[in-house]
N, C-alpha and C. Protein backbone atom coordinates (compact mmCIF):
# COMPACT_ATOMS: atom_id res chain seq x y z
N UNK A 1 14.38 -0.35 3.08
CA UNK A 1 13.15 0.25 2.61
C UNK A 1 13.29 0.87 1.27
N UNK A 2 12.34 0.72 0.46
CA UNK A 2 12.36 1.15 -1.02
C UNK A 2 12.05 2.58 -0.97
N UNK A 3 12.67 3.25 -2.04
CA UNK A 3 12.33 4.68 -2.14
C UNK A 3 11.31 4.91 -3.25
N UNK A 4 10.40 5.77 -3.02
CA UNK A 4 9.29 6.11 -3.97
C UNK A 4 9.23 7.63 -3.99
N UNK A 5 8.78 8.20 -5.18
CA UNK A 5 8.91 9.68 -5.44
C UNK A 5 7.85 10.40 -5.01
N UNK A 6 6.70 9.67 -4.38
CA UNK A 6 5.49 10.44 -3.90
C UNK A 6 5.41 10.43 -2.40
N UNK A 7 4.77 11.35 -1.72
CA UNK A 7 4.62 11.40 -0.41
C UNK A 7 3.21 11.57 -0.02
N UNK A 8 2.80 11.29 1.20
CA UNK A 8 1.43 11.45 1.78
C UNK A 8 1.23 12.89 1.53
N UNK A 9 0.02 13.28 1.01
CA UNK A 9 -0.44 14.68 0.88
C UNK A 9 -0.17 15.22 -0.56
N UNK A 10 0.66 14.70 -1.27
CA UNK A 10 0.87 15.21 -2.57
C UNK A 10 -0.27 14.93 -3.51
N UNK A 11 -0.48 15.96 -4.47
CA UNK A 11 -1.48 15.73 -5.50
C UNK A 11 -0.77 15.18 -6.65
N UNK A 12 -1.42 14.03 -7.10
CA UNK A 12 -0.70 13.24 -8.21
C UNK A 12 -1.77 13.05 -9.38
N UNK A 13 -1.16 12.75 -10.49
CA UNK A 13 -1.99 12.46 -11.76
C UNK A 13 -1.59 11.09 -12.22
N UNK A 14 -2.72 10.34 -12.52
CA UNK A 14 -2.41 8.99 -13.10
C UNK A 14 -2.04 8.98 -14.53
N UNK A 15 -0.83 8.43 -15.04
CA UNK A 15 -0.43 8.51 -16.34
C UNK A 15 -0.71 7.38 -17.21
N UNK A 16 -1.15 6.18 -16.59
CA UNK A 16 -1.60 5.04 -17.42
C UNK A 16 -2.51 4.12 -16.60
N UNK A 17 -3.29 3.25 -17.46
CA UNK A 17 -4.13 2.36 -16.82
C UNK A 17 -5.67 2.88 -16.99
N UNK A 18 -6.56 2.31 -16.29
CA UNK A 18 -7.96 2.56 -16.38
C UNK A 18 -8.33 3.85 -15.82
N UNK A 19 -7.65 4.49 -14.90
CA UNK A 19 -7.89 5.71 -14.39
C UNK A 19 -7.06 6.90 -15.04
N UNK A 20 -6.41 6.59 -16.21
CA UNK A 20 -5.60 7.56 -16.74
C UNK A 20 -6.07 9.06 -16.82
N UNK A 21 -5.32 10.07 -16.46
CA UNK A 21 -5.89 11.40 -16.36
C UNK A 21 -6.51 11.95 -15.20
N UNK A 22 -6.83 10.93 -14.22
CA UNK A 22 -7.56 11.34 -12.98
C UNK A 22 -6.40 12.00 -12.03
N UNK A 23 -6.75 12.97 -11.21
CA UNK A 23 -6.03 13.54 -10.24
C UNK A 23 -6.60 13.32 -8.91
N UNK A 24 -5.68 13.22 -7.91
CA UNK A 24 -6.05 12.99 -6.52
C UNK A 24 -4.98 13.15 -5.51
N UNK A 25 -5.29 13.20 -4.21
CA UNK A 25 -4.36 13.34 -3.24
C UNK A 25 -3.97 12.00 -2.51
N UNK A 26 -2.57 11.83 -2.31
CA UNK A 26 -2.07 10.50 -1.80
C UNK A 26 -2.47 10.35 -0.49
N UNK A 27 -3.20 9.37 0.00
CA UNK A 27 -3.80 9.21 1.33
C UNK A 27 -2.63 8.35 2.04
N UNK A 28 -2.06 7.42 1.38
CA UNK A 28 -1.12 6.53 2.14
C UNK A 28 -0.18 5.98 1.19
N UNK A 29 1.10 5.85 1.48
CA UNK A 29 2.23 5.40 0.67
C UNK A 29 2.74 3.98 1.30
N UNK A 30 2.81 3.03 0.50
CA UNK A 30 3.37 1.67 0.81
C UNK A 30 4.65 1.42 -0.01
N UNK A 31 5.83 1.94 0.60
CA UNK A 31 7.09 1.80 0.02
C UNK A 31 7.58 0.49 -0.34
N UNK A 32 7.31 -0.45 0.64
CA UNK A 32 7.80 -1.94 0.30
C UNK A 32 7.15 -2.51 -0.88
N UNK A 33 5.89 -2.10 -1.16
CA UNK A 33 5.19 -2.76 -2.29
C UNK A 33 5.28 -1.75 -3.45
N UNK A 34 5.97 -0.48 -3.24
CA UNK A 34 6.06 0.49 -4.44
C UNK A 34 4.56 0.78 -4.93
N UNK A 35 3.79 0.99 -3.96
CA UNK A 35 2.37 1.43 -4.26
C UNK A 35 2.00 2.62 -3.42
N UNK A 36 0.83 3.20 -3.80
CA UNK A 36 0.33 4.20 -2.98
C UNK A 36 -1.33 4.20 -3.13
N UNK A 37 -1.90 4.82 -2.09
CA UNK A 37 -3.39 4.76 -2.19
C UNK A 37 -3.78 6.30 -2.53
N UNK A 38 -4.45 6.55 -3.55
CA UNK A 38 -4.82 7.81 -3.90
C UNK A 38 -6.34 8.08 -3.93
N UNK A 39 -6.86 9.26 -3.46
CA UNK A 39 -8.26 9.54 -3.32
C UNK A 39 -8.91 9.46 -4.63
N UNK A 40 -9.91 8.73 -4.73
CA UNK A 40 -10.75 8.70 -5.98
C UNK A 40 -10.23 7.91 -7.12
N UNK A 41 -9.12 7.22 -6.96
CA UNK A 41 -8.42 6.56 -8.01
C UNK A 41 -8.38 4.99 -7.60
N UNK A 42 -8.55 4.18 -8.65
CA UNK A 42 -8.55 2.64 -8.51
C UNK A 42 -9.59 2.20 -7.41
N UNK A 43 -10.78 2.66 -7.65
CA UNK A 43 -11.78 2.40 -6.65
C UNK A 43 -12.41 1.07 -7.00
N UNK A 44 -12.55 0.12 -5.81
CA UNK A 44 -13.13 -1.24 -6.02
C UNK A 44 -14.37 -1.30 -5.05
N UNK A 45 -15.15 -2.29 -5.37
CA UNK A 45 -16.34 -2.54 -4.49
C UNK A 45 -15.83 -3.65 -3.58
N UNK A 46 -16.16 -3.60 -2.40
CA UNK A 46 -15.74 -4.56 -1.35
C UNK A 46 -16.87 -4.96 -0.58
N UNK A 47 -17.18 -6.36 -0.49
CA UNK A 47 -18.27 -6.87 0.24
C UNK A 47 -17.82 -6.86 1.72
N UNK A 48 -18.46 -6.07 2.64
CA UNK A 48 -18.06 -6.06 4.00
C UNK A 48 -19.15 -6.72 4.92
N UNK A 49 -18.60 -7.53 5.87
CA UNK A 49 -19.52 -8.13 6.76
C UNK A 49 -19.79 -7.29 7.95
N UNK A 50 -21.03 -7.17 8.42
CA UNK A 50 -21.31 -6.29 9.57
C UNK A 50 -20.66 -6.70 10.83
N UNK A 51 -20.10 -5.73 11.60
CA UNK A 51 -19.51 -5.96 12.89
C UNK A 51 -20.35 -5.17 13.97
N UNK A 52 -20.76 -5.98 14.97
CA UNK A 52 -21.66 -5.36 16.02
C UNK A 52 -21.06 -4.13 16.64
N UNK A 53 -21.90 -3.13 16.60
CA UNK A 53 -21.40 -1.80 17.31
C UNK A 53 -20.48 -0.88 16.45
N UNK A 54 -19.83 -1.46 15.49
CA UNK A 54 -18.82 -0.77 14.88
C UNK A 54 -19.45 -0.21 13.41
N UNK A 55 -19.82 -1.15 12.68
CA UNK A 55 -20.25 -0.77 11.19
C UNK A 55 -21.20 -1.73 10.64
N UNK A 56 -22.08 -1.29 9.75
CA UNK A 56 -22.90 -2.23 9.11
C UNK A 56 -22.36 -2.69 7.84
N UNK A 57 -22.93 -3.97 7.46
CA UNK A 57 -22.50 -4.59 6.39
C UNK A 57 -22.95 -4.01 5.00
N UNK A 58 -22.52 -4.66 3.95
CA UNK A 58 -22.90 -4.18 2.60
C UNK A 58 -21.78 -4.08 1.68
N UNK A 59 -22.06 -3.60 0.41
CA UNK A 59 -21.11 -3.39 -0.58
C UNK A 59 -20.68 -1.94 -0.35
N UNK A 60 -19.35 -1.81 -0.15
CA UNK A 60 -18.72 -0.40 -0.01
C UNK A 60 -17.70 -0.23 -1.07
N UNK A 61 -17.39 1.02 -1.39
CA UNK A 61 -16.46 1.38 -2.42
C UNK A 61 -15.27 1.90 -1.69
N UNK A 62 -13.99 1.40 -2.09
CA UNK A 62 -12.86 1.88 -1.39
C UNK A 62 -11.67 1.84 -2.40
N UNK A 63 -10.76 2.74 -2.13
CA UNK A 63 -9.63 2.95 -2.91
C UNK A 63 -8.59 1.90 -2.68
N UNK A 64 -8.02 1.26 -3.71
CA UNK A 64 -7.10 0.18 -3.72
C UNK A 64 -5.72 0.80 -4.00
N UNK A 65 -4.67 0.11 -3.68
CA UNK A 65 -3.37 0.74 -3.97
C UNK A 65 -3.04 0.61 -5.43
N UNK A 66 -2.25 1.60 -5.87
CA UNK A 66 -1.82 1.68 -7.31
C UNK A 66 -0.38 1.92 -7.31
N UNK A 67 0.40 1.29 -8.32
CA UNK A 67 1.77 1.32 -8.45
C UNK A 67 2.24 2.74 -8.59
N UNK A 68 3.32 3.13 -7.84
CA UNK A 68 3.81 4.58 -8.02
C UNK A 68 4.33 4.76 -9.39
N UNK A 69 4.84 3.90 -10.14
CA UNK A 69 5.32 4.19 -11.49
C UNK A 69 4.15 4.70 -12.27
N UNK A 70 2.86 4.54 -11.96
CA UNK A 70 1.88 5.00 -12.89
C UNK A 70 1.49 6.52 -12.41
N UNK A 71 2.15 7.05 -11.47
CA UNK A 71 1.90 8.43 -10.92
C UNK A 71 2.80 9.51 -11.09
N UNK A 72 2.37 10.67 -11.41
CA UNK A 72 3.31 11.88 -11.60
C UNK A 72 2.88 12.84 -10.54
N UNK A 73 3.66 13.47 -9.82
CA UNK A 73 3.37 14.52 -8.90
C UNK A 73 2.90 15.73 -9.78
N UNK A 74 1.88 16.46 -9.18
CA UNK A 74 1.44 17.77 -9.97
C UNK A 74 1.98 18.81 -9.13
N UNK A 75 2.75 19.73 -9.84
CA UNK A 75 3.33 20.94 -9.22
C UNK A 75 2.22 21.94 -8.79
N UNK A 76 2.38 22.55 -7.73
CA UNK A 76 1.29 23.45 -7.20
C UNK A 76 1.43 24.74 -7.91
N UNK A 77 2.69 25.10 -8.35
CA UNK A 77 2.77 26.45 -9.08
C UNK A 77 2.39 26.27 -10.58
N UNK A 78 2.91 25.41 -11.28
CA UNK A 78 2.51 25.42 -12.75
C UNK A 78 1.35 24.46 -13.02
N UNK A 79 0.82 23.69 -11.96
CA UNK A 79 -0.37 22.96 -12.07
C UNK A 79 -0.26 21.90 -13.27
N UNK A 80 0.95 21.35 -13.53
CA UNK A 80 1.14 20.30 -14.45
C UNK A 80 1.87 19.08 -13.83
N UNK A 81 1.57 17.93 -14.38
CA UNK A 81 2.25 16.72 -13.93
C UNK A 81 3.69 16.86 -14.31
N UNK A 82 4.73 16.55 -13.35
CA UNK A 82 6.08 16.92 -13.59
C UNK A 82 6.92 15.66 -12.98
N UNK A 83 8.00 15.67 -13.39
CA UNK A 83 9.16 14.70 -12.84
C UNK A 83 9.62 15.41 -11.59
N UNK A 84 10.36 14.76 -10.74
CA UNK A 84 10.82 15.25 -9.44
C UNK A 84 12.46 15.34 -9.56
N UNK A 85 12.94 16.42 -9.13
CA UNK A 85 14.39 16.60 -8.96
C UNK A 85 14.65 16.89 -7.57
N UNK A 86 16.01 16.70 -7.15
CA UNK A 86 16.36 17.01 -5.80
C UNK A 86 17.37 18.11 -5.81
N UNK A 87 17.26 18.74 -4.65
CA UNK A 87 18.20 19.94 -4.46
C UNK A 87 18.55 20.08 -3.04
N UNK A 88 19.73 20.44 -2.78
CA UNK A 88 20.24 20.81 -1.39
C UNK A 88 20.33 22.33 -1.29
N UNK A 89 19.38 22.82 -0.22
CA UNK A 89 19.35 24.18 0.00
C UNK A 89 20.58 24.75 0.84
N UNK A 90 20.82 26.03 1.02
CA UNK A 90 21.75 26.62 1.70
C UNK A 90 21.85 26.16 3.17
N UNK A 91 20.69 25.91 3.78
CA UNK A 91 20.79 25.41 5.14
C UNK A 91 20.96 23.97 5.27
N UNK A 92 21.27 23.24 4.17
CA UNK A 92 21.60 21.90 4.23
C UNK A 92 20.47 20.93 4.08
N UNK A 93 19.29 21.40 3.95
CA UNK A 93 18.07 20.35 3.92
C UNK A 93 17.95 20.09 2.32
N UNK A 94 17.52 18.76 2.28
CA UNK A 94 17.33 18.20 0.89
C UNK A 94 15.88 18.32 0.61
N UNK A 95 15.60 18.95 -0.42
CA UNK A 95 14.07 19.09 -0.94
C UNK A 95 13.89 18.55 -2.40
N UNK A 96 12.55 18.26 -2.65
CA UNK A 96 12.17 18.03 -3.93
C UNK A 96 11.76 19.17 -4.77
N UNK A 97 12.10 19.19 -6.08
CA UNK A 97 11.70 20.40 -6.82
C UNK A 97 11.06 19.85 -8.18
N UNK A 98 10.33 20.83 -8.76
CA UNK A 98 9.59 20.64 -9.97
C UNK A 98 10.63 20.72 -11.09
N UNK A 99 10.80 19.78 -12.11
CA UNK A 99 11.61 19.86 -13.15
C UNK A 99 11.30 20.82 -14.14
N UNK A 100 10.08 21.33 -14.22
CA UNK A 100 9.52 22.19 -15.24
C UNK A 100 9.84 23.72 -14.83
N UNK A 101 9.51 23.92 -13.53
CA UNK A 101 9.42 25.47 -13.18
C UNK A 101 10.48 25.67 -11.98
N UNK A 102 11.07 24.59 -11.53
CA UNK A 102 12.21 24.64 -10.43
C UNK A 102 11.67 25.04 -9.06
N UNK A 103 10.23 24.98 -8.95
CA UNK A 103 9.57 25.36 -7.73
C UNK A 103 9.82 24.24 -6.55
N UNK A 104 10.11 24.61 -5.34
CA UNK A 104 10.27 23.61 -4.26
C UNK A 104 8.84 22.96 -3.99
N UNK A 105 8.85 21.73 -3.94
CA UNK A 105 7.53 20.95 -3.61
C UNK A 105 7.37 20.61 -2.20
N UNK A 106 8.41 20.38 -1.35
CA UNK A 106 8.28 20.26 -0.06
C UNK A 106 8.13 21.44 0.73
N UNK A 107 7.09 21.64 1.57
CA UNK A 107 6.92 22.75 2.31
C UNK A 107 6.80 22.45 3.75
């Protein structure tokens, strides 16, 4: 399994591409493809066929996966996009930290 620096629920900022500067919450991470689905980012129109009893057809907008290399995690304390560091706490747990303010990101 590939390692990615973002997790489900993280707030991220897009650093390159058509959605540069947009912020959103990570909905799903696809580690094998090194991609993530972010709320309100990389939105595409999809032509959906109607299914009886479940949903109606038409053109719907949905978020498509974006490469994680284009994403930076936004620190909750300093509210800036930051790189991720790793630290081992006294109790032996490994956590992610903000490289700018040293705040623990994993809660």
